Amino acid sequence: MAKPELEFFDPDLTPWEPEAGIDGLYAKNLAVDPEGGSYTRLLKFEPGTDTSPAGIQRHPHWEEIWIVEGAIIDLTLDKTFTAGMYACRPPGMAHGPWVSPYGCVTFEVRNMERPT
């Protein structure tokens, strides 16, 4: 199975859900492959969100991120990333933790497919 076929819809009608047990971090799933696990979502950091409790992240899947609005600071790199910036992370690439003093929204695509 793959992600569902979806024509344009208003993401504001989809609720924000708490994410990863981090205060101030919320996700909004836009399209999900229920069998393979791949998904597309928005991720929202409310002002002051700090993901340090989750530590440095590494995933077994591809991840693409585009910052839609605001900014996040990678505490390990001591770098600020702002609206319009893009990242493409292969499996195992280290990133974070993050802090967002003024808030941020990202658009994420996670591809869980394994090469055959």
PDB file of N, CA and C in Angstrom:
ATOM      1  N   MET A   1       0.848  -1.181   0.000  1.00  0.00           N
ATOM      2  CA  MET A   1       0.000   0.000   0.000  1.00  0.00           C
ATOM      3  C   MET A   1       0.891   1.241   0.000  1.00  0.00           C
ATOM      4  N   ALA A   2       0.373   2.326  -0.460  1.00  0.00           N
ATOM      5  CA  ALA A   2       1.108   3.590  -0.491  1.00  0.00           C
ATOM      6  C   ALA A   2       0.287   4.654   0.226  1.00  0.00           C
ATOM      7  N   LYS A   3       0.827   5.864   0.231  1.00  0.00           N
ATOM      8  CA  LYS A   3       0.058   6.974   0.777  1.00  0.00           C
ATOM      9  C   LYS A   3      -1.223   7.108  -0.047  1.00  0.00           C
ATOM     10  N   PRO A   4      -2.288   7.631   0.570  1.00  0.00           N
ATOM     11  CA  PRO A   4      -3.551   7.743  -0.156  1.00  0.00           C
ATOM     12  C   PRO A   4      -3.508   8.822  -1.231  1.00  0.00           C
ATOM     13  N   GLU A   5      -4.373   8.656  -2.216  1.00  0.00           N
ATOM     14  CA  GLU A   5      -4.543   9.699  -3.220  1.00  0.00           C
ATOM     15  C   GLU A   5      -5.358  10.809  -2.577  1.00  0.00           C
ATOM     16  N   LEU A   6      -4.818  12.022  -2.580  1.00  0.00           N
ATOM     17  CA  LEU A   6      -5.498  13.159  -1.961  1.00  0.00           C
ATOM     18  C   LEU A   6      -5.467  14.346  -2.912  1.00  0.00           C
ATOM     19  N   GLU A   7      -6.613  14.944  -3.146  1.00  0.00           N
ATOM     20  CA  GLU A   7      -6.662  16.191  -3.897  1.00  0.00           C
ATOM     21  C   GLU A   7      -6.419  17.302  -2.877  1.00  0.00           C
ATOM     22  N   PHE A   8      -6.236  18.521  -3.327  1.00  0.00           N
ATOM     23  CA  PHE A   8      -5.985  19.628  -2.415  1.00  0.00           C
ATOM     24  C   PHE A   8      -7.010  19.651  -1.295  1.00  0.00           C
ATOM     25  N   PHE A   9      -6.521  19.878  -0.078  1.00  0.00           N
ATOM     26  CA  PHE A   9      -7.405  20.040   1.073  1.00  0.00           C
ATOM     27  C   PHE A   9      -6.753  21.040   2.024  1.00  0.00           C
ATOM     28  N   ASP A  10      -7.519  21.546   2.950  1.00  0.00           N
ATOM     29  CA  ASP A  10      -7.055  22.553   3.890  1.00  0.00           C
ATOM     30  C   ASP A  10      -6.438  21.869   5.107  1.00  0.00           C
ATOM     31  N   PRO A  11      -5.116  21.932   5.283  1.00  0.00           N
ATOM     32  CA  PRO A  11      -4.487  21.295   6.436  1.00  0.00           C
ATOM     33  C   PRO A  11      -4.958  21.859   7.776  1.00  0.00           C
ATOM     34  N   ASP A  12      -5.537  23.072   7.762  1.00  0.00           N
ATOM     35  CA  ASP A  12      -6.062  23.631   9.013  1.00  0.00           C
ATOM     36  C   ASP A  12      -7.182  22.774   9.586  1.00  0.00           C
ATOM     37  N   LEU A  13      -7.797  21.921   8.759  1.00  0.00           N
ATOM     38  CA  LEU A  13      -8.870  21.048   9.235  1.00  0.00           C
ATOM     39  C   LEU A  13      -8.321  19.794   9.923  1.00  0.00           C
ATOM     40  N   THR A  14      -7.011  19.573   9.837  1.00  0.00           N
ATOM     41  CA  THR A  14      -6.352  18.446  10.489  1.00  0.00           C
ATOM     42  C   THR A  14      -5.771  18.934  11.812  1.00  0.00           C
ATOM     43  N   PRO A  15      -6.023  18.238  12.914  1.00  0.00           N
ATOM     44  CA  PRO A  15      -5.544  18.726  14.217  1.00  0.00           C
ATOM     45  C   PRO A  15      -4.041  18.541  14.431  1.00  0.00           C
ATOM     46  N   TRP A  16      -3.483  19.418  15.233  1.00  0.00           N
ATOM     47  CA  TRP A  16      -2.108  19.258  15.704  1.00  0.00           C
ATOM     48  C   TRP A  16      -2.138  18.255  16.847  1.00  0.00           C
ATOM     49  N   GLU A  17      -1.168  17.331  16.864  1.00  0.00           N
ATOM     50  CA  GLU A  17      -1.068  16.317  17.921  1.00  0.00           C
ATOM     51  C   GLU A  17       0.279  16.470  18.622  1.00  0.00           C
ATOM     52  N   PRO A  18       0.320  16.292  19.949  1.00  0.00           N
ATOM     53  CA  PRO A  18       1.609  16.352  20.656  1.00  0.00           C
ATOM     54  C   PRO A  18       2.594  15.357  20.041  1.00  0.00           C
ATOM     55  N   GLU A  19       3.863  15.744  19.993  1.00  0.00           N
ATOM     56  CA  GLU A  19       4.874  14.923  19.334  1.00  0.00           C
ATOM     57  C   GLU A  19       6.021  14.575  20.283  1.00  0.00           C
ATOM     58  N   ALA A  20       6.351  13.308  20.341  1.00  0.00           N
ATOM     59  CA  ALA A  20       7.557  12.782  21.001  1.00  0.00           C
ATOM     60  C   ALA A  20       7.662  13.126  22.481  1.00  0.00           C
ATOM     61  N   GLY A  21       6.553  13.490  23.111  1.00  0.00           N
ATOM     62  CA  GLY A  21       6.592  13.814  24.529  1.00  0.00           C
ATOM     63  C   GLY A  21       7.359  15.088  24.857  1.00  0.00           C
ATOM     64  N   ILE A  22       7.578  15.937  23.852  1.00  0.00           N
ATOM     65  CA  ILE A  22       8.317  17.192  24.041  1.00  0.00           C
ATOM     66  C   ILE A  22       7.319  18.332  24.193  1.00  0.00           C
ATOM     67  N   ASP A  23       7.402  19.067  25.288  1.00  0.00           N
ATOM     68  CA  ASP A  23       6.527  20.219  25.494  1.00  0.00           C
ATOM     69  C   ASP A  23       6.705  21.224  24.361  1.00  0.00           C
ATOM     70  N   GLY A  24       5.587  21.633  23.746  1.00  0.00           N
ATOM     71  CA  GLY A  24       5.617  22.644  22.695  1.00  0.00           C
ATOM     72  C   GLY A  24       5.885  22.120  21.296  1.00  0.00           C
ATOM     73  N   LEU A  25       6.023  20.787  21.136  1.00  0.00           N
ATOM     74  CA  LEU A  25       6.271  20.206  19.822  1.00  0.00           C
ATOM     75  C   LEU A  25       5.017  19.462  19.364  1.00  0.00           C
ATOM     76  N   TYR A  26       4.534  19.784  18.148  1.00  0.00           N
ATOM     77  CA  TYR A  26       3.294  19.214  17.631  1.00  0.00           C
ATOM     78  C   TYR A  26       3.466  18.802  16.178  1.00  0.00           C
ATOM     79  N   ALA A  27       2.767  17.727  15.799  1.00  0.00           N
ATOM     80  CA  ALA A  27       2.793  17.236  14.423  1.00  0.00           C
ATOM     81  C   ALA A  27       1.386  17.210  13.853  1.00  0.00           C
ATOM     82  N   LYS A  28       1.315  17.391  12.546  1.00  0.00           N
ATOM     83  CA  LYS A  28       0.059  17.319  11.808  1.00  0.00           C
ATOM     84  C   LYS A  28       0.317  16.427  10.611  1.00  0.00           C
ATOM     85  N   ASN A  29      -0.160  15.173  10.649  1.00  0.00           N
ATOM     86  CA  ASN A  29       0.045  14.247   9.535  1.00  0.00           C
ATOM     87  C   ASN A  29      -0.839  14.644   8.364  1.00  0.00           C
ATOM     88  N   LEU A  30      -0.240  14.724   7.192  1.00  0.00           N
ATOM     89  CA  LEU A  30      -0.965  15.081   5.976  1.00  0.00           C
ATOM     90  C   LEU A  30      -1.275  13.857   5.130  1.00  0.00           C
ATOM     91  N   ALA A  31      -0.324  12.945   5.019  1.00  0.00           N
ATOM     92  CA  ALA A  31      -0.510  11.704   4.259  1.00  0.00           C
ATOM     93  C   ALA A  31       0.364  10.630   4.891  1.00  0.00           C
ATOM     94  N   VAL A  32      -0.236   9.452   5.088  1.00  0.00           N
ATOM     95  CA  VAL A  32       0.471   8.360   5.745  1.00  0.00           C
ATOM     96  C   VAL A  32       0.253   7.066   4.971  1.00  0.00           C
ATOM     97  N   ASP A  33       1.341   6.305   4.797  1.00  0.00           N
ATOM     98  CA  ASP A  33       1.256   4.956   4.258  1.00  0.00           C
ATOM     99  C   ASP A  33       1.114   4.028   5.459  1.00  0.00           C
ATOM    100  N   PRO A  34      -0.090   3.496   5.722  1.00  0.00           N
ATOM    101  CA  PRO A  34      -0.302   2.706   6.929  1.00  0.00           C
ATOM    102  C   PRO A  34       0.485   1.398   6.975  1.00  0.00           C
ATOM    103  N   GLU A  35       0.861   0.873   5.828  1.00  0.00           N
ATOM    104  CA  GLU A  35       1.619  -0.380   5.822  1.00  0.00           C
ATOM    105  C   GLU A  35       3.123  -0.135   5.874  1.00  0.00           C
ATOM    106  N   GLY A  36       3.623   0.746   5.020  1.00  0.00           N
ATOM    107  CA  GLY A  36       5.064   0.980   4.940  1.00  0.00           C
ATOM    108  C   GLY A  36       5.588   1.964   5.963  1.00  0.00           C
ATOM    109  N   GLY A  37       4.698   2.821   6.487  1.00  0.00           N
ATOM    110  CA  GLY A  37       5.097   3.771   7.509  1.00  0.00           C
ATOM    111  C   GLY A  37       5.587   5.116   7.011  1.00  0.00           C
ATOM    112  N   SER A  38       5.780   5.292   5.708  1.00  0.00           N
ATOM    113  CA  SER A  38       6.203   6.594   5.184  1.00  0.00           C
ATOM    114  C   SER A  38       5.110   7.622   5.442  1.00  0.00           C
ATOM    115  N   TYR A  39       5.531   8.874   5.640  1.00  0.00           N
ATOM    116  CA  TYR A  39       4.519   9.902   5.858  1.00  0.00           C
ATOM    117  C   TYR A  39       5.024  11.281   5.492  1.00  0.00           C
ATOM    118  N   THR A  40       4.064  12.176   5.325  1.00  0.00           N
ATOM    119  CA  THR A  40       4.304  13.594   5.092  1.00  0.00           C
ATOM    120  C   THR A  40       3.575  14.327   6.196  1.00  0.00           C
ATOM    121  N   ARG A  41       4.243  15.307   6.801  1.00  0.00           N
ATOM    122  CA  ARG A  41       3.612  16.013   7.916  1.00  0.00           C
ATOM    123  C   ARG A  41       4.158  17.422   8.054  1.00  0.00           C
ATOM    124  N   LEU A  42       3.452  18.188   8.868  1.00  0.00           N
ATOM    125  CA  LEU A  42       3.953  19.472   9.341  1.00  0.00           C
ATOM    126  C   LEU A  42       4.390  19.255  10.777  1.00  0.00           C
ATOM    127  N   LEU A  43       5.462  19.909  11.182  1.00  0.00           N
ATOM    128  CA  LEU A  43       5.942  19.837  12.551  1.00  0.00           C
ATOM    129  C   LEU A  43       6.023  21.265  13.069  1.00  0.00           C
ATOM    130  N   LYS A  44       5.406  21.503  14.240  1.00  0.00           N
ATOM    131  CA  LYS A  44       5.359  22.854  14.801  1.00  0.00           C
ATOM    132  C   LYS A  44       6.101  22.912  16.131  1.00  0.00           C
ATOM    133  N   PHE A  45       7.014  23.865  16.215  1.00  0.00           N
ATOM    134  CA  PHE A  45       7.717  24.176  17.454  1.00  0.00           C
ATOM    135  C   PHE A  45       7.093  25.464  17.988  1.00  0.00           C
ATOM    136  N   GLU A  46       6.440  25.413  19.128  1.00  0.00           N
ATOM    137  CA  GLU A  46       5.931  26.644  19.725  1.00  0.00           C
ATOM    138  C   GLU A  46       7.125  27.445  20.247  1.00  0.00           C
ATOM    139  N   PRO A  47       6.975  28.764  20.407  1.00  0.00           N
ATOM    140  CA  PRO A  47       8.079  29.560  20.942  1.00  0.00           C
ATOM    141  C   PRO A  47       8.599  28.965  22.257  1.00  0.00           C
ATOM    142  N   GLY A  48       9.921  28.810  22.326  1.00  0.00           N
ATOM    143  CA  GLY A  48      10.557  28.266  23.517  1.00  0.00           C
ATOM    144  C   GLY A  48      10.733  26.759  23.528  1.00  0.00           C
ATOM    145  N   THR A  49      10.261  26.066  22.501  1.00  0.00           N
ATOM    146  CA  THR A  49      10.392  24.602  22.462  1.00  0.00           C
ATOM    147  C   THR A  49      11.862  24.201  22.447  1.00  0.00           C
ATOM    148  N   ASP A  50      12.187  23.178  23.259  1.00  0.00           N
ATOM    149  CA  ASP A  50      13.546  22.655  23.363  1.00  0.00           C
ATOM    150  C   ASP A  50      13.449  21.132  23.300  1.00  0.00           C
ATOM    151  N   THR A  51      14.062  20.530  22.283  1.00  0.00           N
ATOM    152  CA  THR A  51      13.984  19.072  22.124  1.00  0.00           C
ATOM    153  C   THR A  51      15.151  18.346  22.795  1.00  0.00           C
ATOM    154  N   SER A  52      15.916  19.032  23.638  1.00  0.00           N
ATOM    155  CA  SER A  52      17.067  18.409  24.310  1.00  0.00           C
ATOM    156  C   SER A  52      16.733  17.101  25.022  1.00  0.00           C
ATOM    157  N   PRO A  53      15.533  16.965  25.649  1.00  0.00           N
ATOM    158  CA  PRO A  53      15.235  15.688  26.302  1.00  0.00           C
ATOM    159  C   PRO A  53      15.286  14.488  25.341  1.00  0.00           C
ATOM    160  N   ALA A  54      15.064  14.713  24.051  1.00  0.00           N
ATOM    161  CA  ALA A  54      15.108  13.623  23.065  1.00  0.00           C
ATOM    162  C   ALA A  54      16.530  13.348  22.579  1.00  0.00           C
ATOM    163  N   GLY A  55      17.472  14.255  22.874  1.00  0.00           N
ATOM    164  CA  GLY A  55      18.862  14.069  22.483  1.00  0.00           C
ATOM    165  C   GLY A  55      19.097  14.208  20.987  1.00  0.00           C
ATOM    166  N   ILE A  56      20.266  13.783  20.561  1.00  0.00           N
ATOM    167  CA  ILE A  56      20.618  13.786  19.139  1.00  0.00           C
ATOM    168  C   ILE A  56      19.801  12.692  18.453  1.00  0.00           C
ATOM    169  N   GLN A  57      19.260  13.004  17.284  1.00  0.00           N
ATOM    170  CA  GLN A  57      18.405  12.075  16.551  1.00  0.00           C
ATOM    171  C   GLN A  57      19.161  11.414  15.401  1.00  0.00           C
ATOM    172  N   ARG A  58      18.876  10.132  15.187  1.00  0.00           N
ATOM    173  CA  ARG A  58      19.318   9.374  14.015  1.00  0.00           C
ATOM    174  C   ARG A  58      18.162   8.465  13.644  1.00  0.00           C
ATOM    175  N   HIS A  59      17.820   8.426  12.372  1.00  0.00           N
ATOM    176  CA  HIS A  59      16.685   7.619  11.926  1.00  0.00           C
ATOM    177  C   HIS A  59      17.145   6.556  10.940  1.00  0.00           C
ATOM    178  N   PRO A  60      16.418   5.426  10.862  1.00  0.00           N
ATOM    179  CA  PRO A  60      16.758   4.387   9.890  1.00  0.00           C
ATOM    180  C   PRO A  60      16.124   4.644   8.520  1.00  0.00           C
ATOM    181  N   HIS A  61      15.654   5.867   8.283  1.00  0.00           N
ATOM    182  CA  HIS A  61      14.951   6.194   7.041  1.00  0.00           C
ATOM    183  C   HIS A  61      15.427   7.548   6.519  1.00  0.00           C
ATOM    184  N   TRP A  62      15.076   7.817   5.254  1.00  0.00           N
ATOM    185  CA  TRP A  62      15.328   9.123   4.645  1.00  0.00           C
ATOM    186  C   TRP A  62      14.369  10.134   5.236  1.00  0.00           C
ATOM    187  N   GLU A  63      14.853  11.369   5.378  1.00  0.00           N
ATOM    188  CA  GLU A  63      14.032  12.457   5.916  1.00  0.00           C
ATOM    189  C   GLU A  63      14.363  13.727   5.147  1.00  0.00           C
ATOM    190  N   GLU A  64      13.317  14.404   4.668  1.00  0.00           N
ATOM    191  CA  GLU A  64      13.484  15.694   4.004  1.00  0.00           C
ATOM    192  C   GLU A  64      12.686  16.731   4.776  1.00  0.00           C
ATOM    193  N   ILE A  65      13.303  17.881   4.996  1.00  0.00           N
ATOM    194  CA  ILE A  65      12.701  18.941   5.806  1.00  0.00           C
ATOM    195  C   ILE A  65      12.812  20.265   5.059  1.00  0.00           C
ATOM    196  N   TRP A  66      11.731  21.013   5.037  1.00  0.00           N
ATOM    197  CA  TRP A  66      11.739  22.386   4.533  1.00  0.00           C
ATOM    198  C   TRP A  66      11.155  23.267   5.631  1.00  0.00           C
ATOM    199  N   ILE A  67      11.857  24.318   6.010  1.00  0.00           N
ATOM    200  CA  ILE A  67      11.361  25.227   7.045  1.00  0.00           C
ATOM    201  C   ILE A  67      10.396  26.211   6.394  1.00  0.00           C
ATOM    202  N   VAL A  68       9.130  26.105   6.785  1.00  0.00           N
ATOM    203  CA  VAL A  68       8.067  26.934   6.207  1.00  0.00           C
ATOM    204  C   VAL A  68       8.068  28.327   6.822  1.00  0.00           C
ATOM    205  N   GLU A  69       8.196  28.387   8.146  1.00  0.00           N
ATOM    206  CA  GLU A  69       8.224  29.684   8.822  1.00  0.00           C
ATOM    207  C   GLU A  69       9.011  29.565  10.114  1.00  0.00           C
ATOM    208  N   GLY A  70       9.569  30.687  10.559  1.00  0.00           N
ATOM    209  CA  GLY A  70      10.306  30.714  11.811  1.00  0.00           C
ATOM    210  C   GLY A  70      11.726  30.207  11.666  1.00  0.00           C
ATOM    211  N   ALA A  71      12.264  29.704  12.779  1.00  0.00           N
ATOM    212  CA  ALA A  71      13.648  29.249  12.805  1.00  0.00           C
ATOM    213  C   ALA A  71      13.850  28.234  13.924  1.00  0.00           C
ATOM    214  N   ILE A  72      14.847  27.367  13.726  1.00  0.00           N
ATOM    215  CA  ILE A  72      15.283  26.432  14.755  1.00  0.00           C
ATOM    216  C   ILE A  72      16.797  26.526  14.868  1.00  0.00           C
ATOM    217  N   ILE A  73      17.290  26.239  16.055  1.00  0.00           N
ATOM    218  CA  ILE A  73      18.729  26.248  16.307  1.00  0.00           C
ATOM    219  C   ILE A  73      19.149  24.824  16.629  1.00  0.00           C
ATOM    220  N   ASP A  74      20.118  24.298  15.869  1.00  0.00           N
ATOM    221  CA  ASP A  74      20.689  22.988  16.158  1.00  0.00           C
ATOM    222  C   ASP A  74      21.720  23.206  17.259  1.00  0.00           C
ATOM    223  N   LEU A  75      21.457  22.663  18.459  1.00  0.00           N
ATOM    224  CA  LEU A  75      22.328  22.893  19.600  1.00  0.00           C
ATOM    225  C   LEU A  75      23.680  22.204  19.458  1.00  0.00           C
ATOM    226  N   THR A  76      23.747  21.089  18.744  1.00  0.00           N
ATOM    227  CA  THR A  76      25.021  20.401  18.535  1.00  0.00           C
ATOM    228  C   THR A  76      25.916  21.193  17.585  1.00  0.00           C
ATOM    229  N   LEU A  77      25.337  21.691  16.503  1.00  0.00           N
ATOM    230  CA  LEU A  77      26.102  22.452  15.508  1.00  0.00           C
ATOM    231  C   LEU A  77      26.260  23.928  15.875  1.00  0.00           C
ATOM    232  N   ASP A  78      25.412  24.399  16.825  1.00  0.00           N
ATOM    233  CA  ASP A  78      25.345  25.820  17.181  1.00  0.00           C
ATOM    234  C   ASP A  78      25.086  26.662  15.929  1.00  0.00           C
ATOM    235  N   LYS A  79      24.082  26.210  15.143  1.00  0.00           N
ATOM    236  CA  LYS A  79      23.700  26.904  13.907  1.00  0.00           C
ATOM    237  C   LYS A  79      22.207  27.145  13.903  1.00  0.00           C
ATOM    238  N   THR A  80      21.813  28.280  13.351  1.00  0.00           N
ATOM    239  CA  THR A  80      20.403  28.631  13.201  1.00  0.00           C
ATOM    240  C   THR A  80      19.986  28.377  11.764  1.00  0.00           C
ATOM    241  N   PHE A  81      18.826  27.737  11.609  1.00  0.00           N
ATOM    242  CA  PHE A  81      18.261  27.457  10.294  1.00  0.00           C
ATOM    243  C   PHE A  81      16.916  28.161  10.214  1.00  0.00           C
ATOM    244  N   THR A  82      16.661  28.860   9.096  1.00  0.00           N
ATOM    245  CA  THR A  82      15.514  29.755   8.988  1.00  0.00           C
ATOM    246  C   THR A  82      14.582  29.392   7.828  1.00  0.00           C
ATOM    247  N   ALA A  83      13.442  30.060   7.798  1.00  0.00           N
ATOM    248  CA  ALA A  83      12.421  29.832   6.777  1.00  0.00           C
ATOM    249  C   ALA A  83      13.032  29.826   5.385  1.00  0.00           C
ATOM    250  N   GLY A  84      12.625  28.823   4.592  1.00  0.00           N
ATOM    251  CA  GLY A  84      13.112  28.674   3.228  1.00  0.00           C
ATOM    252  C   GLY A  84      14.264  27.696   3.099  1.00  0.00           C
ATOM    253  N   MET A  85      14.885  27.325   4.223  1.00  0.00           N
ATOM    254  CA  MET A  85      16.010  26.378   4.166  1.00  0.00           C
ATOM    255  C   MET A  85      15.490  24.944   4.084  1.00  0.00           C
ATOM    256  N   TYR A  86      16.321  24.068   3.515  1.00  0.00           N
ATOM    257  CA  TYR A  86      15.952  22.681   3.225  1.00  0.00           C
ATOM    258  C   TYR A  86      17.063  21.746   3.681  1.00  0.00           C
ATOM    259  N   ALA A  87      16.667  20.555   4.149  1.00  0.00           N
ATOM    260  CA  ALA A  87      17.629  19.507   4.504  1.00  0.00           C
ATOM    261  C   ALA A  87      17.162  18.181   3.922  1.00  0.00           C
ATOM    262  N   CYS A  88      18.117  17.364   3.484  1.00  0.00           N
ATOM    263  CA  CYS A  88      17.845  16.000   3.040  1.00  0.00           C
ATOM    264  C   CYS A  88      18.792  15.096   3.814  1.00  0.00           C
ATOM    265  N   ARG A  89      18.229  14.275   4.707  1.00  0.00           N
ATOM    266  CA  ARG A  89      19.045  13.459   5.603  1.00  0.00           C
ATOM    267  C   ARG A  89      18.930  11.984   5.254  1.00  0.00           C
ATOM    268  N   PRO A  90      20.059  11.357   4.930  1.00  0.00           N
ATOM    269  CA  PRO A  90      20.034   9.916   4.688  1.00  0.00           C
ATOM    270  C   PRO A  90      19.906   9.167   6.018  1.00  0.00           C
ATOM    271  N   PRO A  91      19.570   7.877   5.958  1.00  0.00           N
ATOM    272  CA  PRO A  91      19.487   7.083   7.182  1.00  0.00           C
ATOM    273  C   PRO A  91      20.781   7.192   7.997  1.00  0.00           C
ATOM    274  N   GLY A  92      20.621   7.386   9.306  1.00  0.00           N
ATOM    275  CA  GLY A  92      21.752   7.440  10.213  1.00  0.00           C
ATOM    276  C   GLY A  92      22.388   8.799  10.419  1.00  0.00           C
ATOM    277  N   MET A  93      21.987   9.817   9.658  1.00  0.00           N
ATOM    278  CA  MET A  93      22.585  11.146   9.805  1.00  0.00           C
ATOM    279  C   MET A  93      22.152  11.760  11.135  1.00  0.00           C
ATOM    280  N   ALA A  94      23.124  12.198  11.935  1.00  0.00           N
ATOM    281  CA  ALA A  94      22.844  12.813  13.229  1.00  0.00           C
ATOM    282  C   ALA A  94      22.338  14.245  13.035  1.00  0.00           C
ATOM    283  N   HIS A  95      21.373  14.651  13.867  1.00  0.00           N
ATOM    284  CA  HIS A  95      20.865  16.021  13.858  1.00  0.00           C
ATOM    285  C   HIS A  95      20.206  16.335  15.197  1.00  0.00           C
ATOM    286  N   GLY A  96      20.181  17.623  15.527  1.00  0.00           N
ATOM    287  CA  GLY A  96      19.580  18.072  16.771  1.00  0.00           C
ATOM    288  C   GLY A  96      20.507  17.835  17.955  1.00  0.00           C
ATOM    289  N   PRO A  97      19.982  18.064  19.139  1.00  0.00           N
ATOM    290  CA  PRO A  97      18.650  18.571  19.467  1.00  0.00           C
ATOM    291  C   PRO A  97      18.477  20.032  19.047  1.00  0.00           C
ATOM    292  N   TRP A  98      17.209  20.451  19.090  1.00  0.00           N
ATOM    293  CA  TRP A  98      16.812  21.756  18.576  1.00  0.00           C
ATOM    294  C   TRP A  98      16.200  22.613  19.676  1.00  0.00           C
ATOM    295  N   VAL A  99      16.304  23.926  19.489  1.00  0.00           N
ATOM    296  CA  VAL A  99      15.550  24.879  20.287  1.00  0.00           C
ATOM    297  C   VAL A  99      14.988  25.906  19.306  1.00  0.00           C
ATOM    298  N   SER A 100      13.783  26.389  19.617  1.00  0.00           N
ATOM    299  CA  SER A 100      13.156  27.395  18.759  1.00  0.00           C
ATOM    300  C   SER A 100      12.636  28.526  19.644  1.00  0.00           C
ATOM    301  N   PRO A 101      13.451  29.561  19.841  1.00  0.00           N
ATOM    302  CA  PRO A 101      13.044  30.640  20.740  1.00  0.00           C
ATOM    303  C   PRO A 101      11.755  31.351  20.324  1.00  0.00           C
ATOM    304  N   TYR A 102      11.510  31.476  19.017  1.00  0.00           N
ATOM    305  CA  TYR A 102      10.355  32.244  18.540  1.00  0.00           C
ATOM    306  C   TYR A 102       9.330  31.422  17.788  1.00  0.00           C
ATOM    307  N   GLY A 103       9.549  30.103  17.671  1.00  0.00           N
ATOM    308  CA  GLY A 103       8.624  29.207  16.976  1.00  0.00           C
ATOM    309  C   GLY A 103       9.076  28.883  15.559  1.00  0.00           C
ATOM    310  N   CYS A 104       8.530  27.777  15.056  1.00  0.00           N
ATOM    311  CA  CYS A 104       8.926  27.293  13.735  1.00  0.00           C
ATOM    312  C   CYS A 104       7.892  26.286  13.246  1.00  0.00           C
ATOM    313  N   VAL A 105       7.680  26.235  11.933  1.00  0.00           N
ATOM    314  CA  VAL A 105       6.881  25.187  11.307  1.00  0.00           C
ATOM    315  C   VAL A 105       7.711  24.604  10.167  1.00  0.00           C
ATOM    316  N   THR A 106       7.806  23.268  10.142  1.00  0.00           N
ATOM    317  CA  THR A 106       8.523  22.597   9.068  1.00  0.00           C
ATOM    318  C   THR A 106       7.580  21.670   8.306  1.00  0.00           C
ATOM    319  N   PHE A 107       7.925  21.404   7.056  1.00  0.00           N
ATOM    320  CA  PHE A 107       7.245  20.429   6.206  1.00  0.00           C
ATOM    321  C   PHE A 107       8.202  19.261   6.076  1.00  0.00           C
ATOM    322  N   GLU A 108       7.754  18.061   6.437  1.00  0.00           N
ATOM    323  CA  GLU A 108       8.618  16.876   6.463  1.00  0.00           C
ATOM    324  C   GLU A 108       8.079  15.769   5.587  1.00  0.00           C
ATOM    325  N   VAL A 109       8.993  15.085   4.918  1.00  0.00           N
ATOM    326  CA  VAL A 109       8.667  13.850   4.202  1.00  0.00           C
ATOM    327  C   VAL A 109       9.622  12.786   4.723  1.00  0.00           C
ATOM    328  N   ARG A 110       9.065  11.713   5.246  1.00  0.00           N
ATOM    329  CA  ARG A 110       9.873  10.593   5.731  1.00  0.00           C
ATOM    330  C   ARG A 110       9.559   9.372   4.882  1.00  0.00           C
ATOM    331  N   ASN A 111      10.614   8.796   4.296  1.00  0.00           N
ATOM    332  CA  ASN A 111      10.471   7.645   3.408  1.00  0.00           C
ATOM    333  C   ASN A 111      11.030   6.422   4.121  1.00  0.00           C
ATOM    334  N   MET A 112      10.123   5.501   4.502  1.00  0.00           N
ATOM    335  CA  MET A 112      10.515   4.309   5.242  1.00  0.00           C
ATOM    336  C   MET A 112      10.832   3.129   4.324  1.00  0.00           C
ATOM    337  N   GLU A 113      10.704   3.313   3.003  1.00  0.00           N
ATOM    338  CA  GLU A 113      10.935   2.208   2.074  1.00  0.00           C
ATOM    339  C   GLU A 113      12.379   1.752   2.122  1.00  0.00           C
ATOM    340  N   ARG A 114      12.565   0.474   2.051  1.00  0.00           N
ATOM    341  CA  ARG A 114      13.900  -0.132   2.041  1.00  0.00           C
ATOM    342  C   ARG A 114      14.230  -0.556   0.607  1.00  0.00           C
ATOM    343  N   PRO A 115      15.467  -0.357   0.182  1.00  0.00           N
ATOM    344  CA  PRO A 115      15.834  -0.828  -1.159  1.00  0.00           C
ATOM    345  C   PRO A 115      15.716  -2.342  -1.222  1.00  0.00           C
ATOM    346  N   THR A 116      15.324  -2.858  -2.386  1.00  0.00           N
ATOM    347  CA  THR A 116      15.174  -4.312  -2.543  1.00  0.00           C
ATOM    348  C   THR A 116      16.400  -4.909  -3.175  1.00  0.00           C
TER     349      THR A 116
END
